[in-house]
C-alpha atoms as a PDB file:
ATOM      1  CA  MET A   1       0.000   0.000   0.000  1.00  0.00           C
ATOM      2  CA  SER A   2       1.407   3.377  -1.030  1.00  0.00           C
ATOM      3  CA  PHE A   3       1.921   6.345   1.296  1.00  0.00           C
ATOM      4  CA  ILE A   4      -1.117   8.148  -0.145  1.00  0.00           C
ATOM      5  CA  ASP A   5      -3.258   5.026   0.140  1.00  0.00           C
ATOM      6  CA  GLN A   6      -2.363   4.727   3.827  1.00  0.00           C
ATOM      7  CA  ILE A   7      -3.371   8.352   4.438  1.00  0.00           C
ATOM      8  CA  ILE A   8      -6.673   7.790   2.621  1.00  0.00           C
ATOM      9  CA  ASN A   9      -7.245   4.555   4.536  1.00  0.00           C
ATOM     10  CA  GLY A  10      -6.774   6.329   7.878  1.00  0.00           C
ATOM     11  CA  HIS A  11      -9.218   9.039   6.844  1.00  0.00           C
ATOM     12  CA  ARG A  12     -11.766   6.468   5.699  1.00  0.00           C
ATOM     13  CA  SER A  13     -11.501   4.705   9.060  1.00  0.00           C
ATOM     14  CA  VAL A  14     -12.535   7.917  10.818  1.00  0.00           C
ATOM     15  CA  LEU A  15     -15.462   8.463   8.431  1.00  0.00           C
ATOM     16  CA  ARG A  16     -16.551   4.861   8.950  1.00  0.00           C
ATOM     17  CA  THR A  17     -16.413   5.262  12.732  1.00  0.00           C
ATOM     18  CA  LEU A  18     -18.376   8.524  12.594  1.00  0.00           C
ATOM     19  CA  SER A  19     -21.023   6.821  10.460  1.00  0.00           C
ATOM     20  CA  ILE A  20     -21.302   3.726  12.673  1.00  0.00           C
ATOM     21  CA  THR A  21     -21.626   5.800  15.845  1.00  0.00           C
ATOM     22  CA  TRP A  22     -24.295   7.968  14.217  1.00  0.00           C
ATOM     23  CA  ASN A  23     -26.295   5.016  12.869  1.00  0.00           C
ATOM     24  CA  TYR A  24     -25.978   2.942  16.039  1.00  0.00           C
ATOM     25  CA  LYS A  25     -26.678   5.536  18.706  1.00  0.00           C
ATOM     26  CA  SER A  26     -26.957   2.831  21.358  1.00  0.00           C
ATOM     27  CA  LEU A  27     -23.142   2.842  21.299  1.00  0.00           C
ATOM     28  CA  LEU A  28     -23.332   6.148  23.168  1.00  0.00           C
ATOM     29  CA  PHE A  29     -24.513   4.294  26.269  1.00  0.00           C
ATOM     30  CA  TYR A  30     -21.133   2.565  26.600  1.00  0.00           C
ATOM     31  CA  THR A  31     -19.416   5.919  27.072  1.00  0.00           C
ATOM     32  CA  LEU A  32     -22.124   7.253  29.371  1.00  0.00           C
ATOM     33  CA  LEU A  33     -22.286   4.185  31.610  1.00  0.00           C
ATOM     34  CA  SER A  34     -18.508   3.907  31.690  1.00  0.00           C
ATOM     35  CA  SER A  35     -18.264   7.456  33.061  1.00  0.00           C
ATOM     36  CA  LEU A  36     -21.120   6.999  35.529  1.00  0.00           C
ATOM     37  CA  VAL A  37     -19.925   3.656  36.896  1.00  0.00           C
ATOM     38  CA  SER A  38     -16.327   4.855  37.080  1.00  0.00           C
ATOM     39  CA  SER A  39     -17.342   8.017  38.957  1.00  0.00           C
ATOM     40  CA  PHE A  40     -19.509   6.027  41.376  1.00  0.00           C
ATOM     41  CA  VAL A  41     -16.767   3.493  42.084  1.00  0.00           C
ATOM     42  CA  PHE A  42     -14.217   6.287  42.432  1.00  0.00           C
ATOM     43  CA  ALA A  43     -16.383   7.994  45.058  1.00  0.00           C
ATOM     44  CA  VAL A  44     -17.082   4.778  46.996  1.00  0.00           C
ATOM     45  CA  VAL A  45     -13.452   3.619  46.997  1.00  0.00           C
ATOM     46  CA  SER A  46     -12.292   7.111  47.998  1.00  0.00           C
ATOM     47  CA  LEU A  47     -14.626   7.012  50.997  1.00  0.00           C
ATOM     48  CA  LEU A  48     -13.480   3.517  51.975  1.00  0.00           C
ATOM     49  CA  LEU A  49      -9.844   4.588  51.800  1.00  0.00           C
ATOM     50  CA  GLY A  50     -10.577   7.606  53.961  1.00  0.00           C
ATOM     51  CA  PHE A  51      -9.955  10.267  51.316  1.00  0.00           C
ATOM     52  CA  GLY A  52     -13.533  11.509  51.032  1.00  0.00           C
ATOM     53  CA  VAL A  53     -15.577  11.731  47.833  1.00  0.00           C
ATOM     54  CA  VAL A  54     -13.428  14.435  46.237  1.00  0.00           C
ATOM     55  CA  GLY A  55     -10.560  14.444  48.699  1.00  0.00           C
ATOM     56  CA  ILE A  56      -8.565  11.945  46.666  1.00  0.00           C
ATOM     57  CA  TYR A  57      -7.930  14.593  44.029  1.00  0.00           C
ATOM     58  CA  LYS A  58      -6.006  16.586  46.621  1.00  0.00           C
ATOM     59  CA  THR A  59      -3.790  13.614  47.376  1.00  0.00           C
ATOM     60  CA  PHE A  60      -2.159  13.662  43.937  1.00  0.00           C
ATOM     61  CA  GLU A  61       0.157  16.427  45.173  1.00  0.00           C
ATOM     62  CA  GLN A  62       0.893  14.355  48.267  1.00  0.00           C
ATOM     63  CA  TRP A  63       1.430  11.343  46.000  1.00  0.00           C
ATOM     64  CA  THR A  64       4.115  13.162  44.025  1.00  0.00           C
ATOM     65  CA  GLN A  65       5.830  14.247  47.239  1.00  0.00           C
ATOM     66  CA  ALA A  66       5.577  10.731  48.630  1.00  0.00           C
ATOM     67  CA  LEU A  67       7.153   9.266  45.511  1.00  0.00           C
ATOM     68  CA  GLY A  68       9.982  11.761  45.682  1.00  0.00           C
ATOM     69  CA  LYS A  69      10.664  11.391  49.417  1.00  0.00           C
ATOM     70  CA  VAL A  70       9.347   7.868  49.979  1.00  0.00           C
ATOM     71  CA  LEU A  71       7.177   9.043  52.865  1.00  0.00           C
ATOM     72  CA  ASN A  72       3.553   8.043  52.429  1.00  0.00           C
ATOM     73  CA  VAL A  73       3.422   4.457  51.155  1.00  0.00           C
ATOM     74  CA  TYR A  74      -0.283   4.153  51.968  1.00  0.00           C
ATOM     75  CA  THR A  75      -1.165   7.104  49.728  1.00  0.00           C
ATOM     76  CA  VAL A  76       0.864   5.703  46.836  1.00  0.00           C
ATOM     77  CA  LEU A  77      -0.586   2.192  47.060  1.00  0.00           C
ATOM     78  CA  ALA A  78      -4.134   3.477  47.567  1.00  0.00           C
ATOM     79  CA  LEU A  79      -3.964   5.777  44.559  1.00  0.00           C
ATOM     80  CA  VAL A  80      -2.490   3.058  42.355  1.00  0.00           C
ATOM     81  CA  ALA A  81      -5.292   0.709  43.458  1.00  0.00           C
ATOM     82  CA  VAL A  82      -7.944   3.332  42.671  1.00  0.00           C
ATOM     83  CA  LEU A  83      -6.420   4.074  39.266  1.00  0.00           C
ATOM     84  CA  ILE A  84      -6.218   0.387  38.354  1.00  0.00           C
ATOM     85  CA  PHE A  85      -9.787  -0.285  39.454  1.00  0.00           C
ATOM     86  CA  ASN A  86     -11.145   2.703  37.545  1.00  0.00           C
ATOM     87  CA  TYR A  87      -9.149   1.888  34.438  1.00  0.00           C
ATOM     88  CA  TRP A  88     -10.381  -1.701  34.620  1.00  0.00           C
ATOM     89  CA  ILE A  89     -13.940  -0.403  34.407  1.00  0.00           C
ATOM     90  CA  LYS A  90     -13.023   1.681  31.374  1.00  0.00           C
ATOM     91  CA  VAL A  91     -11.321  -1.325  29.772  1.00  0.00           C
ATOM     92  CA  ILE A  92     -14.415  -3.488  30.244  1.00  0.00           C
ATOM     93  CA  PHE A  93     -16.717  -0.944  28.598  1.00  0.00           C
ATOM     94  CA  SER A  94     -14.154  -0.201  25.875  1.00  0.00           C
ATOM     95  CA  ALA A  95     -13.756  -3.906  25.096  1.00  0.00           C
ATOM     96  CA  ALA A  96     -17.533  -4.371  24.938  1.00  0.00           C
ATOM     97  CA  LEU A  97     -17.889  -1.376  22.598  1.00  0.00           C
ATOM     98  CA  LEU A  98     -15.005  -2.511  20.377  1.00  0.00           C
ATOM     99  CA  ARG A  99     -16.432  -6.030  20.228  1.00  0.00           C
ATOM    100  CA  ARG A 100     -19.805  -4.753  19.111  1.00  0.00           C
ATOM    101  CA  VAL A 101     -18.299  -2.389  16.518  1.00  0.00           C
ATOM    102  CA  MET A 102     -16.267  -5.278  15.106  1.00  0.00           C
ATOM    103  CA  GLU A 103     -19.466  -7.270  14.688  1.00  0.00           C
ATOM    104  CA  ILE A 104     -21.124  -4.303  12.959  1.00  0.00           C
ATOM    105  CA  LEU A 105     -18.156  -4.044  10.574  1.00  0.00           C
ATOM    106  CA  HIS A 106     -18.817  -7.675   9.646  1.00  0.00           C
ATOM    107  CA  ARG A 107     -22.465  -6.777   9.004  1.00  0.00           C
ATOM    108  CA  LYS A 108     -23.623  -8.403  12.218  1.00  0.00           C
ATOM    109  CA  ASP A 109     -24.868  -6.997  15.497  1.00  0.00           C
ATOM    110  CA  MET A 110     -25.263  -8.067  19.088  1.00  0.00           C
ATOM    111  CA  THR A 111     -27.229  -6.833  22.047  1.00  0.00           C
ATOM    112  CA  PHE A 112     -25.762  -4.602  24.732  1.00  0.00           C
ATOM    113  CA  SER A 113     -25.573  -7.461  27.247  1.00  0.00           C
ATOM    114  CA  GLU A 114     -24.054  -9.882  24.713  1.00  0.00           C
ATOM    115  CA  SER A 115     -21.181  -7.491  24.058  1.00  0.00           C
ATOM    116  CA  PHE A 116     -20.029  -7.969  27.678  1.00  0.00           C
ATOM    117  CA  ASP A 117     -19.967 -11.772  27.424  1.00  0.00           C
ATOM    118  CA  PHE A 118     -16.176 -12.116  27.217  1.00  0.00           C
ATOM    119  CA  GLY A 119     -15.713 -15.450  28.858  1.00  0.00           C
ATOM    120  CA  LYS A 120     -13.611 -16.220  31.923  1.00  0.00           C
ATOM    121  CA  GLN A 121     -10.273 -16.284  30.082  1.00  0.00           C
ATOM    122  CA  LEU A 122     -10.678 -12.920  28.358  1.00  0.00           C
ATOM    123  CA  ASN A 123     -12.020 -11.327  31.546  1.00  0.00           C
ATOM    124  CA  LYS A 124      -8.772 -12.248  33.315  1.00  0.00           C
ATOM    125  CA  LYS A 125      -6.710 -10.816  30.471  1.00  0.00           C
ATOM    126  CA  LEU A 126      -8.674  -7.556  30.565  1.00  0.00           C
ATOM    127  CA  PHE A 127      -8.018  -7.188  34.281  1.00  0.00           C
ATOM    128  CA  PHE A 128      -4.300  -7.915  34.002  1.00  0.00           C
ATOM    129  CA  TRP A 129      -4.086  -5.556  31.035  1.00  0.00           C
ATOM    130  CA  SER A 130      -5.542  -2.808  33.254  1.00  0.00           C
ATOM    131  CA  VAL A 131      -2.844  -3.515  35.834  1.00  0.00           C
ATOM    132  CA  VAL A 132      -0.042  -3.543  33.247  1.00  0.00           C
ATOM    133  CA  PHE A 133      -1.239  -0.310  31.617  1.00  0.00           C
ATOM    134  CA  ILE A 134      -1.407   1.660  34.883  1.00  0.00           C
ATOM    135  CA  VAL A 135       1.850   0.202  36.221  1.00  0.00           C
ATOM    136  CA  VAL A 136       3.738   1.220  33.057  1.00  0.00           C
ATOM    137  CA  VAL A 137       2.257   4.730  33.162  1.00  0.00           C
ATOM    138  CA  ALA A 138       3.134   5.005  36.861  1.00  0.00           C
ATOM    139  CA  PHE A 139       6.672   3.753  36.167  1.00  0.00           C
ATOM    140  CA  ILE A 140       7.185   6.415  33.482  1.00  0.00           C
ATOM    141  CA  LEU A 141       5.895   9.150  35.787  1.00  0.00           C
ATOM    142  CA  VAL A 142       8.037   7.935  38.697  1.00  0.00           C
ATOM    143  CA  SER A 143      11.081   7.807  36.428  1.00  0.00           C
ATOM    144  CA  SER A 144      10.536  11.458  35.571  1.00  0.00           C
ATOM    145  CA  ILE A 145      10.839  12.255  39.290  1.00  0.00           C
ATOM    146  CA  TYR A 146      14.020  10.284  39.944  1.00  0.00           C
ATOM    147  CA  ILE A 147      15.652  11.011  36.568  1.00  0.00           C
ATOM    148  CA  PRO A 148      15.441  14.798  35.938  1.00  0.00           C
ATOM    149  CA  GLN A 149      16.704  14.422  32.362  1.00  0.00           C
ATOM    150  CA  ILE A 150      13.463  12.679  31.407  1.00  0.00           C
ATOM    151  CA  THR A 151      11.464  15.750  32.386  1.00  0.00           C
ATOM    152  CA  LYS A 152      14.085  18.257  31.216  1.00  0.00           C
ATOM    153  CA  TYR A 153      14.090  16.968  27.650  1.00  0.00           C
ATOM    154  CA  TYR A 154      10.338  16.244  27.619  1.00  0.00           C
ATOM    155  CA  LEU A 155      11.061  12.530  27.224  1.00  0.00           C
ATOM    156  CA  VAL A 156       8.268  11.695  29.655  1.00  0.00           C
ATOM    157  CA  TYR A 157       5.692  13.003  27.160  1.00  0.00           C
ATOM    158  CA  PHE A 158       7.200  11.006  24.303  1.00  0.00           C
ATOM    159  CA  LEU A 159       7.326   7.863  26.435  1.00  0.00           C
ATOM    160  CA  LEU A 160       3.689   8.261  27.471  1.00  0.00           C
ATOM    161  CA  MET A 161       2.631   9.032  23.896  1.00  0.00           C
ATOM    162  CA  GLY A 162       4.561   6.018  22.620  1.00  0.00           C
ATOM    163  CA  TRP A 163       2.893   3.765  25.203  1.00  0.00           C
ATOM    164  CA  PHE A 164      -0.612   5.092  24.473  1.00  0.00           C
ATOM    165  CA  ILE A 165      -0.221   4.782  20.689  1.00  0.00           C
ATOM    166  CA  GLY A 166       1.671   1.492  20.835  1.00  0.00           C
ATOM    167  CA  THR A 167      -1.093  -0.171  22.834  1.00  0.00           C
ATOM    168  CA  LEU A 168      -3.869   1.085  20.554  1.00  0.00           C
ATOM    169  CA  PHE A 169      -4.597  -2.391  19.186  1.00  0.00           C
ATOM    170  CA  VAL A 170      -4.170  -4.383  22.408  1.00  0.00           C
ATOM    171  CA  LEU A 171      -7.911  -4.704  23.088  1.00  0.00           C
ATOM    172  CA  PRO A 172      -8.825  -5.563  19.452  1.00  0.00           C
ATOM    173  CA  VAL A 173      -6.062  -8.200  19.405  1.00  0.00           C
ATOM    174  CA  LEU A 174      -7.239  -9.683  22.709  1.00  0.00           C
ATOM    175  CA  ILE A 175     -10.830  -9.768  21.462  1.00  0.00           C
ATOM    176  CA  LYS A 176     -10.127 -11.227  18.018  1.00  0.00           C
ATOM    177  CA  ARG A 177      -7.239 -13.592  18.787  1.00  0.00           C
ATOM    178  CA  ASN A 178      -6.659 -16.086  21.559  1.00  0.00           C
ATOM    179  CA  LEU A 179      -3.238 -14.733  22.550  1.00  0.00           C
ATOM    180  CA  SER A 180      -1.567 -14.337  25.907  1.00  0.00           C
ATOM    181  CA  LEU A 181      -1.349 -10.791  27.232  1.00  0.00           C
ATOM    182  CA  GLY A 182       2.373 -10.514  26.506  1.00  0.00           C
ATOM    183  CA  LYS A 183       1.968 -11.710  22.912  1.00  0.00           C
ATOM    184  CA  ALA A 184      -1.042  -9.417  22.426  1.00  0.00           C
ATOM    185  CA  ILE A 185       0.970  -6.370  23.542  1.00  0.00           C
ATOM    186  CA  LYS A 186       3.865  -7.358  21.268  1.00  0.00           C
ATOM    187  CA  LYS A 187       1.486  -7.935  18.343  1.00  0.00           C
ATOM    188  CA  ALA A 188      -0.197  -4.573  18.950  1.00  0.00           C
ATOM    189  CA  PHE A 189       3.121  -2.697  18.910  1.00  0.00           C
ATOM    190  CA  VAL A 190       4.160  -4.438  15.685  1.00  0.00           C
ATOM    191  CA  MET A 191       0.851  -3.574  14.011  1.00  0.00           C
ATOM    192  CA  VAL A 192       1.092   0.056  15.107  1.00  0.00           C
ATOM    193  CA  TRP A 193       4.635   0.316  13.757  1.00  0.00           C
ATOM    194  CA  LYS A 194       3.621  -1.149  10.389  1.00  0.00           C
ATOM    195  CA  HIS A 195       0.565   1.099  10.067  1.00  0.00           C
ATOM    196  CA  ILE A 196       1.730   4.266  11.823  1.00  0.00           C
ATOM    197  CA  ILE A 197       0.905   6.412   8.765  1.00  0.00           C
ATOM    198  CA  GLU A 198      -2.735   5.303   8.862  1.00  0.00           C
ATOM    199  CA  ILE A 199      -2.911   5.933  12.613  1.00  0.00           C
ATOM    200  CA  ILE A 200      -1.429   9.431  12.275  1.00  0.00           C
ATOM    201  CA  SER A 201      -3.763  10.134   9.345  1.00  0.00           C
ATOM    202  CA  ALA A 202      -6.773   8.992  11.399  1.00  0.00           C
ATOM    203  CA  THR A 203      -5.660  11.132  14.350  1.00  0.00           C
ATOM    204  CA  VAL A 204      -5.304  14.249  12.192  1.00  0.00           C
ATOM    205  CA  ALA A 205      -8.644  13.578  10.503  1.00  0.00           C
ATOM    206  CA  MET A 206     -10.367  13.093  13.867  1.00  0.00           C
ATOM    207  CA  ILE A 207      -8.975  16.366  15.216  1.00  0.00           C
ATOM    208  CA  PHE A 208     -10.031  18.160  12.021  1.00  0.00           C
ATOM    209  CA  TYR A 209     -13.626  16.912  12.191  1.00  0.00           C
ATOM    210  CA  MET A 210     -13.874  17.665  15.904  1.00  0.00           C
ATOM    211  CA  LEU A 211     -12.706  21.242  15.357  1.00  0.00           C
ATOM    212  CA  LEU A 212     -14.829  21.726  12.228  1.00  0.00           C
ATOM    213  CA  ILE A 213     -18.076  20.380  13.668  1.00  0.00           C
ATOM    214  CA  GLY A 214     -17.403  22.062  17.004  1.00  0.00           C
ATOM    215  CA  PHE A 215     -16.904  25.388  15.238  1.00  0.00           C
ATOM    216  CA  ILE A 216     -20.133  24.974  13.250  1.00  0.00           C
ATOM    217  CA  VAL A 217     -22.119  24.039  16.357  1.00  0.00           C
ATOM    218  CA  GLY A 218     -20.600  26.898  18.352  1.00  0.00           C
ATOM    219  CA  VAL A 219     -21.246  29.531  15.681  1.00  0.00           C
ATOM    220  CA  THR A 220     -24.792  28.237  15.140  1.00  0.00           C
ATOM    221  CA  GLY A 221     -25.523  28.303  18.870  1.00  0.00           C
ATOM    222  CA  LEU A 222     -24.106  31.791  19.236  1.00  0.00           C
ATOM    223  CA  GLY A 223     -26.109  32.954  16.214  1.00  0.00           C
ATOM    224  CA  LEU A 224     -29.342  31.533  17.618  1.00  0.00           C
ATOM    225  CA  THR A 225     -28.602  33.148  20.978  1.00  0.00           C
ATOM    226  CA  TRP A 226     -28.022  36.510  19.308  1.00  0.00           C
ATOM    227  CA  LEU A 227     -31.241  36.128  17.283  1.00  0.00           C
ATOM    228  CA  ALA A 228     -33.268  35.268  20.403  1.00  0.00           C
ATOM    229  CA  CYS A 229     -31.808  38.260  22.228  1.00  0.00           C
ATOM    230  CA  TYR A 230     -32.559  40.515  19.271  1.00  0.00           C
ATOM    231  CA  LEU A 231     -36.172  39.356  18.946  1.00  0.00           C
ATOM    232  CA  LEU A 232     -36.778  39.577  22.705  1.00  0.00           C
ATOM    233  CA  ASN A 233     -34.901  42.869  23.006  1.00  0.00           C
ATOM    234  CA  VAL A 234     -32.509  41.388  25.562  1.00  0.00           C
ATOM    235  CA  PRO A 235     -28.848  42.529  25.782  1.00  0.00           C
ATOM    236  CA  LEU A 236     -26.473  39.877  24.448  1.00  0.00           C
ATOM    237  CA  GLY A 237     -24.480  39.999  27.703  1.00  0.00           C
ATOM    238  CA  ILE A 238     -27.573  38.859  29.572  1.00  0.00           C
ATOM    239  CA  GLY A 239     -28.535  36.461  26.807  1.00  0.00           C
ATOM    240  CA  LEU A 240     -25.275  34.562  27.274  1.00  0.00           C
ATOM    241  CA  ILE A 241     -26.482  33.685  30.773  1.00  0.00           C
ATOM    242  CA  MET A 242     -29.141  31.060  31.507  1.00  0.00           C
ATOM    243  CA  PRO A 243     -31.376  29.994  29.881  1.00  0.00           C
ATOM    244  CA  PHE A 244     -30.045  31.238  26.516  1.00  0.00           C
ATOM    245  CA  ILE A 245     -26.627  29.718  27.163  1.00  0.00           C
ATOM    246  CA  LEU A 246     -28.275  26.295  26.948  1.00  0.00           C
ATOM    247  CA  VAL A 247     -28.479  26.812  23.191  1.00  0.00           C
ATOM    248  CA  ILE A 248     -24.681  26.558  23.170  1.00  0.00           C
ATOM    249  CA  VAL A 249     -23.963  24.350  26.181  1.00  0.00           C
ATOM    250  CA  VAL A 250     -26.374  21.478  25.484  1.00  0.00           C
ATOM    251  CA  PRO A 251     -25.275  20.881  21.862  1.00  0.00           C
ATOM    252  CA  THR A 252     -21.629  21.155  22.948  1.00  0.00           C
ATOM    253  CA  LEU A 253     -22.102  18.521  25.663  1.00  0.00           C
ATOM    254  CA  LEU A 254     -23.914  16.203  23.273  1.00  0.00           C
ATOM    255  CA  LEU A 255     -21.225  16.718  20.652  1.00  0.00           C
ATOM    256  CA  GLY A 256     -18.500  15.951  23.197  1.00  0.00           C
ATOM    257  CA  TRP A 257     -20.358  12.781  24.219  1.00  0.00           C
ATOM    258  CA  TYR A 258     -20.646  11.719  20.564  1.00  0.00           C
ATOM    259  CA  PHE A 259     -16.966  12.305  19.789  1.00  0.00           C
ATOM    260  CA  ALA A 260     -15.890  10.565  23.003  1.00  0.00           C
ATOM    261  CA  THR A 261     -17.745   7.485  21.745  1.00  0.00           C
ATOM    262  CA  VAL A 262     -16.192   7.822  18.288  1.00  0.00           C
ATOM    263  CA  ILE A 263     -12.693   7.966  19.779  1.00  0.00           C
ATOM    264  CA  MET A 264     -13.507   4.946  21.937  1.00  0.00           C
ATOM    265  CA  ALA A 265     -14.687   2.979  18.860  1.00  0.00           C
ATOM    266  CA  LEU A 266     -11.933   4.092  16.454  1.00  0.00           C
ATOM    267  CA  PRO A 267      -9.411   1.310  17.339  1.00  0.00           C
ATOM    268  CA  ALA A 268     -11.937  -1.291  16.146  1.00  0.00           C
ATOM    269  CA  THR A 269     -12.366   0.405  12.763  1.00  0.00           C
ATOM    270  CA  LEU A 270      -8.625   0.950  12.363  1.00  0.00           C
ATOM    271  CA  TYR A 271      -7.965  -2.677  13.270  1.00  0.00           C
ATOM    272  CA  HIS A 272     -10.526  -3.834  10.715  1.00  0.00           C
ATOM    273  CA  SER A 273      -8.947  -1.521   8.144  1.00  0.00           C
ATOM    274  CA  VAL A 274      -5.336  -2.645   8.576  1.00  0.00           C
ATOM    275  CA  VAL A 275      -6.104  -6.357   9.041  1.00  0.00           C
ATOM    276  CA  GLU A 276      -8.985  -7.066   6.698  1.00  0.00           C
ATOM    277  CA  GLY A 277      -9.417  -3.895   4.684  1.00  0.00           C
ATOM    278  CA  LEU A 278     -12.515  -1.712   4.613  1.00  0.00           C
ATOM    279  CA  LYS A 279     -15.345  -3.378   2.728  1.00  0.00           C
END
């Protein structure tokens, strides 16, 4: 496949994902429930650990200090446990969404509950993948504390970006192939390296459509707000306060929800594109 073909293929993957998410709006519930369940669990675990519902956010500064001075082991271990547990929830919903999108790409469909039927073996792999992902991220962040050069030369950002991009296909590989976690991670990195042009193309295309549609929605909402203020003889400064602001806020929230689902589903479409080709 030529360089241009790879760019086009990445762009087509984004268009395909946008179309699938629009036509199968039930996919939006995966993102919504993932956020709700994760927030609920975060609050409960925070209370059980003695941080309070929102108090755990304040401990991140303490966590950094503890890592640097090796003072508060409890805070470090508790935060790592919370992060792993919350990421595990995200992984479960992401895997269910990706599994359903893969079925749609093969002109099939499954119910919401069926998409979570992973089986005992895959469930274990999803949990251990959550642990591995958070541990690697934590290791990179800790390294930036003990090795100043990593932060000085912005290597920490490149390492994190490399890990995030390199593991893009881990869940699709785990879902589609009966591989061990180690082999799945290795396979995912190899696939990303071979198809990096398509991934970069898809990323650029996604950012472009998010900015374009966001701009259109924002301008339209502002225009409608101005028109309502003009017809009702209300100053625009007042019109930008409730309830007129809902004309802008509500569509923006819905648009953010939609794009969050698209981003969550994109690895499935990209995987289908690079492995089987878009049909």
